Amino acid sequence: MSENVTEIIAGVLAEWSQGRIDNAKDLLNSQAIPYTSPLNQSIQTTELKVQGLNIGIGFTANDYYIYIDEGVKGLKNRVPTSGLFSFKTPFPSRNMIKSLEDYIPRYGIVPSGGGKSVTIPKKEKAAIGMAYAIKQKGIKQKPFWKPTFNEEAFNDLAARLEDALGEDINLTLTIE
C-alpha cells in the first residue's frame, strides 16, 4: 500500500474515531456521568498500527465500562431490565471498597444525617456502606459503548473511506 493511501486512511480513521469518542462521552454526560469522571476521561484510542495492508486502531476505557454500559442486577433488585450482569455474593470485595474509598473524595460525597448533627464516619466506613448498597440495588444500565460502536458506525467508516479513496473497499472488522 502506498504511503499516500496510508495517510488518507489514517486521517479518516483519526476523524472517525474522535467522533466515536465524542459520542460515547456525550452519551455518558447525558446520563449524569460528567465529562470529568474517570470513566469519561478514560475513553481513548490506541495508536494507529499499519502492517502491510492491515491498518488498525483500537478504543480503550476503564475496565469497568462494560458494567456501566450493560448494568448489574442487585441481589434484592431483580428487575429484568436492570442489567446483564449480576452480583453473586452479598459481601463486597476489598477492591470494591478501595475503589469506593477513592471515589468518595473525588465527588465530595458526604453521608447525610437526616438534618441532625452527626459525626461523619470515616471514609472506609462510608465506602463499606456504599458497597453493600450497590450489591443490593445493583448498577443502573447507562448505555454508551454499544450505541457508539454499532453496525451503523462501522458502515459510516466504510463510506468515509470509500469517499476518501474514490473507490469501493472491503472493510474487515476485528474485535478483540
Protein backbone atom coordinates (compact mmCIF):
# COMPACT_ATOMS: atom_id res chain seq x y z
CA MET A 1 0.00 0.00 0.00
CA SER A 2 1.39 3.40 -0.91
CA GLU A 3 2.31 5.93 1.74
CA ASN A 4 -0.27 8.37 0.32
CA VAL A 5 -3.11 5.85 0.68
CA THR A 6 -1.99 5.03 4.22
CA GLU A 7 -2.04 8.74 5.11
CA ILE A 8 -5.56 9.14 3.69
CA ILE A 9 -6.82 6.13 5.65
CA ALA A 10 -5.08 7.32 8.83
CA GLY A 11 -6.73 10.73 8.50
CA VAL A 12 -10.19 9.23 8.00
CA LEU A 13 -9.69 6.85 10.93
CA ALA A 14 -8.50 9.67 13.21
CA GLU A 15 -11.52 11.84 12.37
CA TRP A 16 -13.99 8.94 12.67
CA SER A 17 -12.52 7.66 15.94
CA GLN A 18 -12.62 11.12 17.53
CA GLY A 19 -16.29 11.32 16.57
CA ARG A 20 -16.90 7.94 18.25
CA ILE A 21 -15.11 9.08 21.42
CA ASP A 22 -17.10 12.33 21.49
CA ASN A 23 -20.33 10.35 21.01
CA ALA A 24 -19.56 7.99 23.90
CA LYS A 25 -18.64 10.88 26.21
CA ASP A 26 -21.77 12.82 25.25
CA LEU A 27 -23.95 9.77 25.96
CA LEU A 28 -22.36 9.37 29.39
CA ASN A 29 -22.75 13.07 30.14
CA SER A 30 -26.43 12.97 29.14
CA GLN A 31 -26.88 10.18 31.73
CA ALA A 32 -25.40 12.22 34.61
CA ILE A 33 -21.82 10.94 34.28
CA PRO A 34 -19.84 14.17 33.83
CA TYR A 35 -17.04 14.74 31.35
CA THR A 36 -14.66 14.98 34.30
CA SER A 37 -15.45 11.45 35.56
CA PRO A 38 -12.66 8.86 35.47
CA LEU A 39 -14.72 6.69 33.09
CA ASN A 40 -15.33 9.55 30.67
CA GLN A 41 -11.68 10.59 30.79
CA SER A 42 -10.51 7.02 30.15
CA ILE A 43 -12.17 6.69 26.74
CA GLN A 44 -9.34 6.94 24.21
CA THR A 45 -7.97 5.44 21.03
CA THR A 46 -4.88 3.33 20.75
CA GLU A 47 -2.06 4.23 18.41
CA LEU A 48 -2.72 3.64 14.72
CA LYS A 49 -0.96 0.45 13.58
CA VAL A 50 0.00 -0.13 9.96
CA GLN A 51 1.25 -3.57 8.95
CA GLY A 52 1.22 -4.10 5.20
CA LEU A 53 -2.39 -3.98 4.05
CA ASN A 54 -3.70 -4.10 7.64
CA ILE A 55 -4.41 -0.85 9.40
CA GLY A 56 -5.71 -0.94 12.95
CA ILE A 57 -6.94 1.37 15.64
CA GLY A 58 -8.45 0.43 18.97
CA PHE A 59 -10.52 2.00 21.69
CA THR A 60 -9.92 1.72 25.42
CA ALA A 61 -11.81 2.64 28.57
CA ASN A 62 -11.56 1.80 32.25
CA ASP A 63 -12.08 -1.92 32.68
CA TYR A 64 -15.46 -1.49 34.42
CA TYR A 65 -17.02 0.27 31.40
CA ILE A 66 -18.99 -2.84 30.46
CA TYR A 67 -20.80 -2.85 33.82
CA ILE A 68 -21.94 0.74 33.31
CA ASP A 69 -22.90 0.08 29.68
CA GLU A 70 -24.84 -3.12 30.44
CA GLY A 71 -25.86 -2.60 34.07
CA VAL A 72 -25.61 -5.02 37.01
CA LYS A 73 -28.56 -6.62 38.81
CA GLY A 74 -28.55 -6.21 42.55
CA LEU A 75 -29.17 -9.09 44.93
CA LYS A 76 -32.55 -7.70 46.03
CA ASN A 77 -33.42 -5.61 42.98
CA ARG A 78 -34.01 -8.24 40.31
CA VAL A 79 -35.75 -6.03 37.77
CA PRO A 80 -35.18 -7.76 34.38
CA THR A 81 -34.00 -4.56 32.69
CA SER A 82 -31.56 -3.61 35.44
CA GLY A 83 -28.55 -5.34 33.97
CA LEU A 84 -26.89 -8.08 32.03
CA PHE A 85 -24.55 -8.91 34.90
CA SER A 86 -25.42 -9.79 38.49
CA PHE A 87 -23.72 -9.94 41.86
CA LYS A 88 -23.28 -13.44 43.29
CA THR A 89 -22.43 -12.74 46.94
CA PRO A 90 -23.68 -10.12 49.40
CA PHE A 91 -20.16 -9.27 50.58
CA PRO A 92 -18.19 -6.58 48.72
CA SER A 93 -14.61 -7.34 47.81
CA ARG A 94 -11.73 -5.39 49.28
CA ASN A 95 -11.04 -3.97 45.81
CA MET A 96 -14.63 -2.70 45.52
CA ILE A 97 -14.37 -0.98 48.90
CA LYS A 98 -10.98 0.53 47.98
CA SER A 99 -12.41 1.85 44.69
CA LEU A 100 -15.27 3.48 46.56
CA GLU A 101 -12.87 4.97 49.10
CA ASP A 102 -11.08 6.63 46.19
CA TYR A 103 -14.41 7.70 44.65
CA ILE A 104 -15.80 9.43 47.77
CA PRO A 105 -13.41 12.43 47.96
CA ARG A 106 -13.37 12.97 44.18
CA TYR A 107 -17.11 13.63 44.14
CA GLY A 108 -17.46 15.23 47.56
CA ILE A 109 -19.88 12.58 48.82
CA VAL A 110 -20.75 13.16 52.45
CA PRO A 111 -23.09 10.80 54.34
CA SER A 112 -26.20 12.69 55.41
CA GLY A 113 -27.52 12.74 58.94
CA GLY A 114 -31.12 13.47 58.07
CA GLY A 115 -30.79 17.06 59.30
CA LYS A 116 -29.36 16.01 62.65
CA SER A 117 -25.92 16.86 63.89
CA VAL A 118 -23.81 13.77 63.30
CA THR A 119 -20.20 12.81 63.18
CA ILE A 120 -19.25 11.97 59.62
CA PRO A 121 -17.97 8.39 59.54
CA LYS A 122 -14.55 7.55 58.26
CA LYS A 123 -14.15 7.22 54.53
CA GLU A 124 -13.79 3.44 54.78
CA LYS A 125 -17.00 3.05 56.76
CA ALA A 126 -18.86 5.13 54.18
CA ALA A 127 -17.30 3.07 51.36
CA ILE A 128 -18.39 -0.19 53.00
CA GLY A 129 -21.94 1.14 53.32
CA MET A 130 -21.97 2.21 49.68
CA ALA A 131 -20.56 -1.15 48.57
CA TYR A 132 -23.31 -3.07 50.38
CA ALA A 133 -25.96 -0.74 48.92
CA ILE A 134 -24.59 -1.25 45.39
CA LYS A 135 -24.55 -5.02 45.92
CA GLN A 136 -28.19 -4.95 47.00
CA LYS A 137 -29.57 -2.46 44.44
CA GLY A 138 -27.21 -3.05 41.51
CA ILE A 139 -25.94 -0.60 38.92
CA LYS A 140 -28.37 1.02 36.53
CA GLN A 141 -27.65 0.44 32.86
CA LYS A 142 -26.29 3.56 31.15
CA PRO A 143 -25.65 2.57 27.52
CA PHE A 144 -22.84 4.49 25.90
CA TRP A 145 -20.47 1.91 24.36
CA LYS A 146 -22.84 -0.27 22.34
CA PRO A 147 -24.72 2.70 20.84
CA THR A 148 -21.37 4.26 19.86
CA PHE A 149 -19.76 1.19 18.30
CA ASN A 150 -22.54 -0.38 16.29
CA GLU A 151 -23.11 -1.51 12.72
CA GLU A 152 -24.24 1.98 11.67
CA ALA A 153 -20.96 3.48 12.94
CA PHE A 154 -18.85 0.95 11.05
CA ASN A 155 -20.91 1.45 7.88
CA ASP A 156 -20.20 5.16 8.26
CA LEU A 157 -16.47 4.42 8.48
CA ALA A 158 -16.61 2.30 5.33
CA ALA A 159 -18.48 5.07 3.47
CA ARG A 160 -15.94 7.68 4.60
CA LEU A 161 -13.05 5.53 3.45
CA GLU A 162 -14.67 4.88 0.07
CA ASP A 163 -15.27 8.63 -0.40
CA ALA A 164 -11.69 9.49 0.59
CA LEU A 165 -10.14 6.80 -1.63
CA GLY A 166 -12.58 7.24 -4.52
CA GLU A 167 -13.26 3.51 -4.85
CA ASP A 168 -15.11 0.62 -3.24
CA ILE A 169 -13.31 -1.07 -0.39
CA ASN A 170 -13.58 -4.31 1.52
CA LEU A 171 -13.56 -3.44 5.24
CA THR A 172 -12.95 -6.23 7.73
CA LEU A 173 -13.71 -5.52 11.35
CA THR A 174 -11.86 -7.43 14.06
CA ILE A 175 -12.96 -7.06 17.68
CA GLU A 176 -10.52 -8.21 20.35
